[in-house]
């Protein structure tokens, strides 16, 4: 059974209390954050915690991940310490070009997934090249605070300042066939986090990053197909297949005209549920 990867929670790298809270949060992917969430003077301590930490997170049913600094800063020191702990996923901060991903690919081995983090306008406009730079890139993540700072604006609860970046990032990831992870909601209220996740889902996102453990469960609920969605998908599949068997090219279901793209989306949803069952 494949573990779902809906919610990606960043966790301070050297804080055992935060590590324990993350394990209880219900987030699908737990990320030991060695960049901004770990001051430079604490990074050696954080790296030393990695083996026991990843084992603990896996035992809690989560995917164990780490976010390293760019290789051109102290990312190679991060990798040298944590790769022996066998993280499932390595994310790298501040990726602005494909050459950084190619270097990360060379510096890692085995089956570890790579997830570049896009945190600037320069990175955003090169997303397609970035995510195609290694066959082990399975997803990419869009940051929020660094992107809005690079754009010369500030973060709001409603997120208008990120509207273009989020839409473009999703399109480029889809074109490359990798998962697009939406930027985190960086305010504390769970209601706002759920609303932000609903907006992301409406755009087409199936995964979202988090910085607040309490956001994991409400965001998971938003990103998990609900019974009504599943029932609607089954009706669409059944009706369309019956129409095709009768020689018709489309069918109307509950007032909606169902053609091949709608049918394909419904079959993808049902297939994803089967893969996680």
C-alpha atoms as a PDB file:
ATOM      1  CA  UNK A   1       0.000   0.000   0.000  1.00  0.00           C
ATOM      2  CA  UNK A   2       1.390   3.397  -0.982  1.00  0.00           C
ATOM      3  CA  UNK A   3       1.427   5.936   1.812  1.00  0.00           C
ATOM      4  CA  UNK A   4      -0.498   9.092   0.915  1.00  0.00           C
ATOM      5  CA  UNK A   5       1.532  12.284   0.567  1.00  0.00           C
ATOM      6  CA  UNK A   6      -1.135  14.944   0.932  1.00  0.00           C
ATOM      7  CA  UNK A   7       0.365  17.005   3.757  1.00  0.00           C
ATOM      8  CA  UNK A   8       4.059  17.906   4.095  1.00  0.00           C
ATOM      9  CA  UNK A   9       4.900  19.322   7.537  1.00  0.00           C
ATOM     10  CA  UNK A  10       8.112  21.271   8.129  1.00  0.00           C
ATOM     11  CA  UNK A  11       9.522  20.614  11.604  1.00  0.00           C
ATOM     12  CA  UNK A  12      12.395  22.424  13.378  1.00  0.00           C
ATOM     13  CA  UNK A  13      15.421  20.187  12.998  1.00  0.00           C
ATOM     14  CA  UNK A  14      16.828  20.297  16.528  1.00  0.00           C
ATOM     15  CA  UNK A  15      13.669  20.497  18.671  1.00  0.00           C
ATOM     16  CA  UNK A  16      12.670  17.118  20.210  1.00  0.00           C
ATOM     17  CA  UNK A  17       9.353  18.501  21.459  1.00  0.00           C
ATOM     18  CA  UNK A  18       8.471  19.634  17.949  1.00  0.00           C
ATOM     19  CA  UNK A  19       9.518  16.207  16.627  1.00  0.00           C
ATOM     20  CA  UNK A  20       7.114  14.493  19.034  1.00  0.00           C
ATOM     21  CA  UNK A  21       4.278  16.895  18.165  1.00  0.00           C
ATOM     22  CA  UNK A  22       4.851  16.236  14.469  1.00  0.00           C
ATOM     23  CA  UNK A  23       4.571  12.482  14.986  1.00  0.00           C
ATOM     24  CA  UNK A  24       1.135  13.041  16.576  1.00  0.00           C
ATOM     25  CA  UNK A  25      -0.055  15.568  13.998  1.00  0.00           C
ATOM     26  CA  UNK A  26      -1.420  13.203  11.351  1.00  0.00           C
ATOM     27  CA  UNK A  27       0.647  14.799   8.561  1.00  0.00           C
ATOM     28  CA  UNK A  28       1.600  12.334   5.845  1.00  0.00           C
ATOM     29  CA  UNK A  29       5.172  13.560   5.322  1.00  0.00           C
ATOM     30  CA  UNK A  30       7.283  14.889   8.185  1.00  0.00           C
ATOM     31  CA  UNK A  31      10.237  17.048   7.168  1.00  0.00           C
ATOM     32  CA  UNK A  32      13.223  17.654   9.425  1.00  0.00           C
ATOM     33  CA  UNK A  33      13.927  21.232   8.383  1.00  0.00           C
ATOM     34  CA  UNK A  34      17.656  22.025   8.435  1.00  0.00           C
ATOM     35  CA  UNK A  35      17.390  25.414   6.731  1.00  0.00           C
ATOM     36  CA  UNK A  36      15.435  28.365   8.146  1.00  0.00           C
ATOM     37  CA  UNK A  37      13.876  26.403  11.035  1.00  0.00           C
ATOM     38  CA  UNK A  38      17.295  25.356  12.366  1.00  0.00           C
ATOM     39  CA  UNK A  39      19.783  28.105  13.288  1.00  0.00           C
ATOM     40  CA  UNK A  40      23.310  27.410  11.998  1.00  0.00           C
ATOM     41  CA  UNK A  41      24.653  26.787  15.501  1.00  0.00           C
ATOM     42  CA  UNK A  42      22.085  23.983  16.015  1.00  0.00           C
ATOM     43  CA  UNK A  43      22.535  22.174  12.696  1.00  0.00           C
ATOM     44  CA  UNK A  44      25.160  19.709  13.921  1.00  0.00           C
ATOM     45  CA  UNK A  45      22.835  18.705  16.762  1.00  0.00           C
ATOM     46  CA  UNK A  46      19.907  18.360  14.378  1.00  0.00           C
ATOM     47  CA  UNK A  47      21.882  16.152  11.993  1.00  0.00           C
ATOM     48  CA  UNK A  48      22.873  13.852  14.843  1.00  0.00           C
ATOM     49  CA  UNK A  49      19.195  13.343  15.710  1.00  0.00           C
ATOM     50  CA  UNK A  50      18.287  12.112  12.224  1.00  0.00           C
ATOM     51  CA  UNK A  51      18.614   8.288  12.579  1.00  0.00           C
ATOM     52  CA  UNK A  52      16.395   7.938  15.641  1.00  0.00           C
ATOM     53  CA  UNK A  53      14.043  10.658  14.414  1.00  0.00           C
ATOM     54  CA  UNK A  54      13.306   9.095  11.029  1.00  0.00           C
ATOM     55  CA  UNK A  55      12.770   5.689  12.630  1.00  0.00           C
ATOM     56  CA  UNK A  56      10.323   7.240  15.083  1.00  0.00           C
ATOM     57  CA  UNK A  57       8.410   9.034  12.356  1.00  0.00           C
ATOM     58  CA  UNK A  58       8.156   5.903  10.221  1.00  0.00           C
ATOM     59  CA  UNK A  59       6.871   3.972  13.229  1.00  0.00           C
ATOM     60  CA  UNK A  60       4.153   6.630  13.538  1.00  0.00           C
ATOM     61  CA  UNK A  61       3.094   5.865   9.938  1.00  0.00           C
ATOM     62  CA  UNK A  62       4.623   8.937   8.269  1.00  0.00           C
ATOM     63  CA  UNK A  63       7.030   9.388   5.397  1.00  0.00           C
ATOM     64  CA  UNK A  64      10.365  10.572   6.831  1.00  0.00           C
ATOM     65  CA  UNK A  65      11.909  13.491   4.951  1.00  0.00           C
ATOM     66  CA  UNK A  66      14.589  16.117   5.379  1.00  0.00           C
ATOM     67  CA  UNK A  67      15.056  19.554   3.862  1.00  0.00           C
ATOM     68  CA  UNK A  68      18.677  20.421   3.335  1.00  0.00           C
ATOM     69  CA  UNK A  69      20.333  23.717   2.601  1.00  0.00           C
ATOM     70  CA  UNK A  70      21.513  24.391  -0.956  1.00  0.00           C
ATOM     71  CA  UNK A  71      24.632  22.404  -1.788  1.00  0.00           C
ATOM     72  CA  UNK A  72      26.543  25.600  -2.478  1.00  0.00           C
ATOM     73  CA  UNK A  73      26.082  26.646   1.183  1.00  0.00           C
ATOM     74  CA  UNK A  74      26.097  23.871   3.813  1.00  0.00           C
ATOM     75  CA  UNK A  75      23.883  21.333   2.061  1.00  0.00           C
ATOM     76  CA  UNK A  76      26.733  18.885   1.511  1.00  0.00           C
ATOM     77  CA  UNK A  77      27.366  18.834   5.253  1.00  0.00           C
ATOM     78  CA  UNK A  78      23.644  18.149   5.765  1.00  0.00           C
ATOM     79  CA  UNK A  79      23.732  15.253   3.297  1.00  0.00           C
ATOM     80  CA  UNK A  80      26.908  13.729   4.714  1.00  0.00           C
ATOM     81  CA  UNK A  81      25.223  13.481   8.102  1.00  0.00           C
ATOM     82  CA  UNK A  82      21.650  12.467   7.251  1.00  0.00           C
ATOM     83  CA  UNK A  83      21.903  10.106   4.279  1.00  0.00           C
ATOM     84  CA  UNK A  84      23.026   7.254   6.542  1.00  0.00           C
ATOM     85  CA  UNK A  85      19.674   7.655   8.317  1.00  0.00           C
ATOM     86  CA  UNK A  86      17.973   6.769   5.004  1.00  0.00           C
ATOM     87  CA  UNK A  87      15.375   9.521   4.590  1.00  0.00           C
ATOM     88  CA  UNK A  88      12.560   8.633   2.192  1.00  0.00           C
ATOM     89  CA  UNK A  89      12.670  12.086   0.624  1.00  0.00           C
ATOM     90  CA  UNK A  90      15.309  14.816   0.369  1.00  0.00           C
ATOM     91  CA  UNK A  91      13.998  18.320  -0.246  1.00  0.00           C
ATOM     92  CA  UNK A  92      16.438  21.093  -1.111  1.00  0.00           C
ATOM     93  CA  UNK A  93      15.848  24.757  -0.374  1.00  0.00           C
ATOM     94  CA  UNK A  94      16.201  27.672  -2.775  1.00  0.00           C
ATOM     95  CA  UNK A  95      16.445  25.857  -6.088  1.00  0.00           C
ATOM     96  CA  UNK A  96      16.650  28.334  -8.947  1.00  0.00           C
ATOM     97  CA  UNK A  97      18.035  26.196 -11.771  1.00  0.00           C
ATOM     98  CA  UNK A  98      18.319  22.610 -13.032  1.00  0.00           C
ATOM     99  CA  UNK A  99      22.065  22.448 -12.400  1.00  0.00           C
ATOM    100  CA  UNK A 100      21.346  22.448  -8.649  1.00  0.00           C
ATOM    101  CA  UNK A 101      19.115  19.392  -9.031  1.00  0.00           C
ATOM    102  CA  UNK A 102      21.668  17.586 -11.159  1.00  0.00           C
ATOM    103  CA  UNK A 103      24.249  18.190  -8.428  1.00  0.00           C
ATOM    104  CA  UNK A 104      21.825  16.859  -5.796  1.00  0.00           C
ATOM    105  CA  UNK A 105      21.176  13.775  -7.914  1.00  0.00           C
ATOM    106  CA  UNK A 106      24.915  13.077  -8.081  1.00  0.00           C
ATOM    107  CA  UNK A 107      25.310  13.633  -4.340  1.00  0.00           C
ATOM    108  CA  UNK A 108      22.571  11.140  -3.379  1.00  0.00           C
ATOM    109  CA  UNK A 109      22.161   7.450  -4.026  1.00  0.00           C
ATOM    110  CA  UNK A 110      19.555   4.724  -3.951  1.00  0.00           C
ATOM    111  CA  UNK A 111      15.821   5.217  -4.116  1.00  0.00           C
ATOM    112  CA  UNK A 112      15.546   8.474  -2.206  1.00  0.00           C
ATOM    113  CA  UNK A 113      13.049  10.853  -3.820  1.00  0.00           C
ATOM    114  CA  UNK A 114      14.171  14.389  -4.583  1.00  0.00           C
ATOM    115  CA  UNK A 115      11.922  17.425  -4.122  1.00  0.00           C
ATOM    116  CA  UNK A 116      13.305  20.810  -5.198  1.00  0.00           C
ATOM    117  CA  UNK A 117      11.852  23.820  -3.410  1.00  0.00           C
ATOM    118  CA  UNK A 118      11.062  26.792  -5.650  1.00  0.00           C
ATOM    119  CA  UNK A 119      11.465  30.006  -3.656  1.00  0.00           C
ATOM    120  CA  UNK A 120      12.096  32.793  -6.174  1.00  0.00           C
ATOM    121  CA  UNK A 121      10.855  34.297  -9.408  1.00  0.00           C
ATOM    122  CA  UNK A 122      13.972  32.926 -11.127  1.00  0.00           C
ATOM    123  CA  UNK A 123      13.129  29.433  -9.956  1.00  0.00           C
ATOM    124  CA  UNK A 124       9.464  29.732 -10.848  1.00  0.00           C
ATOM    125  CA  UNK A 125      10.094  30.552 -14.503  1.00  0.00           C
ATOM    126  CA  UNK A 126      12.468  27.541 -14.777  1.00  0.00           C
ATOM    127  CA  UNK A 127      10.263  25.037 -12.948  1.00  0.00           C
ATOM    128  CA  UNK A 128       9.829  22.725 -15.940  1.00  0.00           C
ATOM    129  CA  UNK A 129      13.593  22.421 -16.469  1.00  0.00           C
ATOM    130  CA  UNK A 130      14.215  22.059 -12.736  1.00  0.00           C
ATOM    131  CA  UNK A 131      11.837  19.148 -12.202  1.00  0.00           C
ATOM    132  CA  UNK A 132      13.080  17.363 -15.325  1.00  0.00           C
ATOM    133  CA  UNK A 133      16.713  17.555 -14.189  1.00  0.00           C
ATOM    134  CA  UNK A 134      16.654  14.189 -12.365  1.00  0.00           C
ATOM    135  CA  UNK A 135      14.506  11.057 -12.785  1.00  0.00           C
ATOM    136  CA  UNK A 136      14.285  10.916  -8.993  1.00  0.00           C
ATOM    137  CA  UNK A 137      12.377  14.186  -8.764  1.00  0.00           C
ATOM    138  CA  UNK A 138       8.886  13.013  -7.849  1.00  0.00           C
ATOM    139  CA  UNK A 139       7.498  16.342  -6.658  1.00  0.00           C
ATOM    140  CA  UNK A 140       8.359  20.002  -6.253  1.00  0.00           C
ATOM    141  CA  UNK A 141       7.303  22.457  -3.593  1.00  0.00           C
ATOM    142  CA  UNK A 142       6.390  26.112  -3.910  1.00  0.00           C
ATOM    143  CA  UNK A 143       7.487  28.298  -1.002  1.00  0.00           C
ATOM    144  CA  UNK A 144       5.497  31.277   0.228  1.00  0.00           C
ATOM    145  CA  UNK A 145       7.502  33.711   2.317  1.00  0.00           C
ATOM    146  CA  UNK A 146      10.588  33.743   0.101  1.00  0.00           C
ATOM    147  CA  UNK A 147       8.517  34.011  -3.075  1.00  0.00           C
ATOM    148  CA  UNK A 148       6.461  36.957  -1.875  1.00  0.00           C
ATOM    149  CA  UNK A 149       9.607  38.661  -0.589  1.00  0.00           C
ATOM    150  CA  UNK A 150      11.250  38.167  -3.980  1.00  0.00           C
ATOM    151  CA  UNK A 151       8.165  39.635  -5.644  1.00  0.00           C
ATOM    152  CA  UNK A 152       8.365  42.689  -3.393  1.00  0.00           C
ATOM    153  CA  UNK A 153       5.099  42.118  -1.560  1.00  0.00           C
ATOM    154  CA  UNK A 154       3.928  40.428   1.648  1.00  0.00           C
ATOM    155  CA  UNK A 155       1.882  37.397   2.631  1.00  0.00           C
ATOM    156  CA  UNK A 156      -1.862  37.728   3.180  1.00  0.00           C
ATOM    157  CA  UNK A 157      -4.448  35.275   4.464  1.00  0.00           C
ATOM    158  CA  UNK A 158      -6.309  35.357   1.168  1.00  0.00           C
ATOM    159  CA  UNK A 159      -3.163  34.846  -0.915  1.00  0.00           C
ATOM    160  CA  UNK A 160      -3.856  37.055  -3.935  1.00  0.00           C
ATOM    161  CA  UNK A 161      -0.153  37.899  -4.131  1.00  0.00           C
ATOM    162  CA  UNK A 162       0.614  34.228  -4.899  1.00  0.00           C
ATOM    163  CA  UNK A 163      -2.231  33.556  -7.319  1.00  0.00           C
ATOM    164  CA  UNK A 164      -0.149  33.624 -10.502  1.00  0.00           C
ATOM    165  CA  UNK A 165       2.794  31.789  -8.960  1.00  0.00           C
ATOM    166  CA  UNK A 166       0.591  28.970  -7.657  1.00  0.00           C
ATOM    167  CA  UNK A 167      -1.231  28.537 -10.960  1.00  0.00           C
ATOM    168  CA  UNK A 168       1.914  28.613 -13.077  1.00  0.00           C
ATOM    169  CA  UNK A 169       3.797  26.268 -10.740  1.00  0.00           C
ATOM    170  CA  UNK A 170       0.984  23.704 -10.887  1.00  0.00           C
ATOM    171  CA  UNK A 171       0.841  23.811 -14.689  1.00  0.00           C
ATOM    172  CA  UNK A 172       4.605  23.322 -15.052  1.00  0.00           C
ATOM    173  CA  UNK A 173       4.696  20.420 -12.586  1.00  0.00           C
ATOM    174  CA  UNK A 174       1.759  18.751 -14.323  1.00  0.00           C
ATOM    175  CA  UNK A 175       3.458  19.168 -17.701  1.00  0.00           C
ATOM    176  CA  UNK A 176       6.519  17.364 -16.291  1.00  0.00           C
ATOM    177  CA  UNK A 177       4.473  14.628 -14.624  1.00  0.00           C
ATOM    178  CA  UNK A 178       5.562  15.385 -11.047  1.00  0.00           C
ATOM    179  CA  UNK A 179       3.448  16.223  -8.012  1.00  0.00           C
ATOM    180  CA  UNK A 180       3.022  19.917  -7.211  1.00  0.00           C
ATOM    181  CA  UNK A 181       3.089  20.704  -3.485  1.00  0.00           C
ATOM    182  CA  UNK A 182       1.321  23.941  -2.646  1.00  0.00           C
ATOM    183  CA  UNK A 183       2.884  26.588  -0.429  1.00  0.00           C
ATOM    184  CA  UNK A 184       2.074  26.616   3.302  1.00  0.00           C
ATOM    185  CA  UNK A 185      -0.551  28.730   4.983  1.00  0.00           C
ATOM    186  CA  UNK A 186       1.652  30.653   7.399  1.00  0.00           C
ATOM    187  CA  UNK A 187      -1.006  31.935   9.802  1.00  0.00           C
ATOM    188  CA  UNK A 188      -2.099  30.024  12.893  1.00  0.00           C
ATOM    189  CA  UNK A 189      -5.867  29.610  12.419  1.00  0.00           C
ATOM    190  CA  UNK A 190      -7.023  26.167  11.312  1.00  0.00           C
ATOM    191  CA  UNK A 191     -10.142  27.541   9.606  1.00  0.00           C
ATOM    192  CA  UNK A 192      -7.989  29.716   7.369  1.00  0.00           C
ATOM    193  CA  UNK A 193      -5.707  26.783   6.626  1.00  0.00           C
ATOM    194  CA  UNK A 194      -8.671  24.669   5.525  1.00  0.00           C
ATOM    195  CA  UNK A 195      -9.997  27.494   3.333  1.00  0.00           C
ATOM    196  CA  UNK A 196      -6.561  27.936   1.771  1.00  0.00           C
ATOM    197  CA  UNK A 197      -6.393  24.202   1.083  1.00  0.00           C
ATOM    198  CA  UNK A 198      -9.832  24.275  -0.563  1.00  0.00           C
ATOM    199  CA  UNK A 199      -8.608  27.020  -2.878  1.00  0.00           C
ATOM    200  CA  UNK A 200      -5.524  24.990  -3.731  1.00  0.00           C
ATOM    201  CA  UNK A 201      -7.626  21.908  -4.408  1.00  0.00           C
ATOM    202  CA  UNK A 202      -9.841  23.944  -6.703  1.00  0.00           C
ATOM    203  CA  UNK A 203      -6.759  24.878  -8.730  1.00  0.00           C
ATOM    204  CA  UNK A 204      -5.820  21.205  -8.985  1.00  0.00           C
ATOM    205  CA  UNK A 205      -3.357  20.682  -6.130  1.00  0.00           C
ATOM    206  CA  UNK A 206      -3.389  17.305  -4.386  1.00  0.00           C
ATOM    207  CA  UNK A 207      -0.659  18.082  -1.840  1.00  0.00           C
ATOM    208  CA  UNK A 208       0.103  20.979   0.488  1.00  0.00           C
ATOM    209  CA  UNK A 209       2.987  21.962   2.734  1.00  0.00           C
ATOM    210  CA  UNK A 210       2.416  22.991   6.345  1.00  0.00           C
ATOM    211  CA  UNK A 211       4.277  24.809   9.095  1.00  0.00           C
ATOM    212  CA  UNK A 212       1.697  24.332  11.887  1.00  0.00           C
ATOM    213  CA  UNK A 213       1.086  20.745  13.134  1.00  0.00           C
ATOM    214  CA  UNK A 214      -2.542  21.519  14.010  1.00  0.00           C
ATOM    215  CA  UNK A 215      -3.246  22.215  10.340  1.00  0.00           C
ATOM    216  CA  UNK A 216      -2.516  18.643   9.241  1.00  0.00           C
ATOM    217  CA  UNK A 217      -5.870  17.069  10.059  1.00  0.00           C
ATOM    218  CA  UNK A 218      -8.117  19.806   8.598  1.00  0.00           C
ATOM    219  CA  UNK A 219      -6.000  20.015   5.442  1.00  0.00           C
ATOM    220  CA  UNK A 220      -5.987  16.216   5.095  1.00  0.00           C
ATOM    221  CA  UNK A 221      -9.785  16.274   5.257  1.00  0.00           C
ATOM    222  CA  UNK A 222      -9.922  18.843   2.463  1.00  0.00           C
ATOM    223  CA  UNK A 223      -7.486  16.930   0.234  1.00  0.00           C
ATOM    224  CA  UNK A 224      -9.069  13.520   0.826  1.00  0.00           C
ATOM    225  CA  UNK A 225     -11.915  12.710  -1.585  1.00  0.00           C
ATOM    226  CA  UNK A 226     -15.188  12.820   0.312  1.00  0.00           C
ATOM    227  CA  UNK A 227     -17.947  10.182  -0.036  1.00  0.00           C
ATOM    228  CA  UNK A 228     -19.999  12.483  -2.278  1.00  0.00           C
ATOM    229  CA  UNK A 229     -17.006  13.021  -4.608  1.00  0.00           C
ATOM    230  CA  UNK A 230     -16.345   9.294  -4.789  1.00  0.00           C
ATOM    231  CA  UNK A 231     -19.984   8.502  -5.478  1.00  0.00           C
ATOM    232  CA  UNK A 232     -20.102  11.147  -8.213  1.00  0.00           C
ATOM    233  CA  UNK A 233     -16.957   9.707  -9.830  1.00  0.00           C
ATOM    234  CA  UNK A 234     -18.475   6.238  -9.838  1.00  0.00           C
ATOM    235  CA  UNK A 235     -21.675   7.522 -11.436  1.00  0.00           C
ATOM    236  CA  UNK A 236     -19.670   9.300 -14.119  1.00  0.00           C
ATOM    237  CA  UNK A 237     -17.590   6.222 -14.917  1.00  0.00           C
ATOM    238  CA  UNK A 238     -20.592   3.910 -15.025  1.00  0.00           C
ATOM    239  CA  UNK A 239     -22.707   6.255 -17.153  1.00  0.00           C
ATOM    240  CA  UNK A 240     -19.928   7.084 -19.611  1.00  0.00           C
ATOM    241  CA  UNK A 241     -18.914   3.464 -20.101  1.00  0.00           C
ATOM    242  CA  UNK A 242     -22.553   2.507 -20.668  1.00  0.00           C
ATOM    243  CA  UNK A 243     -22.897   5.328 -23.212  1.00  0.00           C
ATOM    244  CA  UNK A 244     -19.768   4.214 -25.066  1.00  0.00           C
ATOM    245  CA  UNK A 245     -20.994   0.623 -25.104  1.00  0.00           C
ATOM    246  CA  UNK A 246     -24.191   1.911 -26.732  1.00  0.00           C
ATOM    247  CA  UNK A 247     -22.202   3.808 -29.367  1.00  0.00           C
ATOM    248  CA  UNK A 248     -22.596   7.328 -27.920  1.00  0.00           C
ATOM    249  CA  UNK A 249     -19.606   9.640 -27.505  1.00  0.00           C
ATOM    250  CA  UNK A 250     -20.859  11.445 -24.363  1.00  0.00           C
ATOM    251  CA  UNK A 251     -23.539  11.366 -21.714  1.00  0.00           C
ATOM    252  CA  UNK A 252     -25.249  13.744 -19.302  1.00  0.00           C
ATOM    253  CA  UNK A 253     -24.882  12.991 -15.566  1.00  0.00           C
ATOM    254  CA  UNK A 254     -26.801  15.146 -13.069  1.00  0.00           C
ATOM    255  CA  UNK A 255     -27.030  17.943 -15.611  1.00  0.00           C
ATOM    256  CA  UNK A 256     -23.338  17.858 -16.539  1.00  0.00           C
ATOM    257  CA  UNK A 257     -22.143  16.861 -19.971  1.00  0.00           C
ATOM    258  CA  UNK A 258     -19.566  14.111 -19.521  1.00  0.00           C
ATOM    259  CA  UNK A 259     -16.957  13.714 -22.242  1.00  0.00           C
ATOM    260  CA  UNK A 260     -13.580  11.960 -22.274  1.00  0.00           C
ATOM    261  CA  UNK A 261     -11.670  14.480 -20.051  1.00  0.00           C
ATOM    262  CA  UNK A 262     -14.314  14.342 -17.304  1.00  0.00           C
ATOM    263  CA  UNK A 263     -14.399  10.549 -17.502  1.00  0.00           C
ATOM    264  CA  UNK A 264     -10.590  10.401 -17.323  1.00  0.00           C
ATOM    265  CA  UNK A 265     -10.546  12.597 -14.217  1.00  0.00           C
ATOM    266  CA  UNK A 266     -13.103  10.366 -12.517  1.00  0.00           C
ATOM    267  CA  UNK A 267     -11.138   7.214 -13.322  1.00  0.00           C
ATOM    268  CA  UNK A 268      -7.932   8.811 -11.971  1.00  0.00           C
ATOM    269  CA  UNK A 269      -9.644   9.615  -8.680  1.00  0.00           C
ATOM    270  CA  UNK A 270     -10.922   6.057  -8.298  1.00  0.00           C
ATOM    271  CA  UNK A 271      -7.563   4.581  -9.279  1.00  0.00           C
ATOM    272  CA  UNK A 272      -5.800   6.715  -6.670  1.00  0.00           C
ATOM    273  CA  UNK A 273      -8.168   5.454  -4.004  1.00  0.00           C
ATOM    274  CA  UNK A 274      -7.444   1.855  -4.986  1.00  0.00           C
ATOM    275  CA  UNK A 275      -3.678   2.403  -4.822  1.00  0.00           C
ATOM    276  CA  UNK A 276      -3.984   3.688  -1.234  1.00  0.00           C
ATOM    277  CA  UNK A 277      -6.414   0.978  -0.090  1.00  0.00           C
END
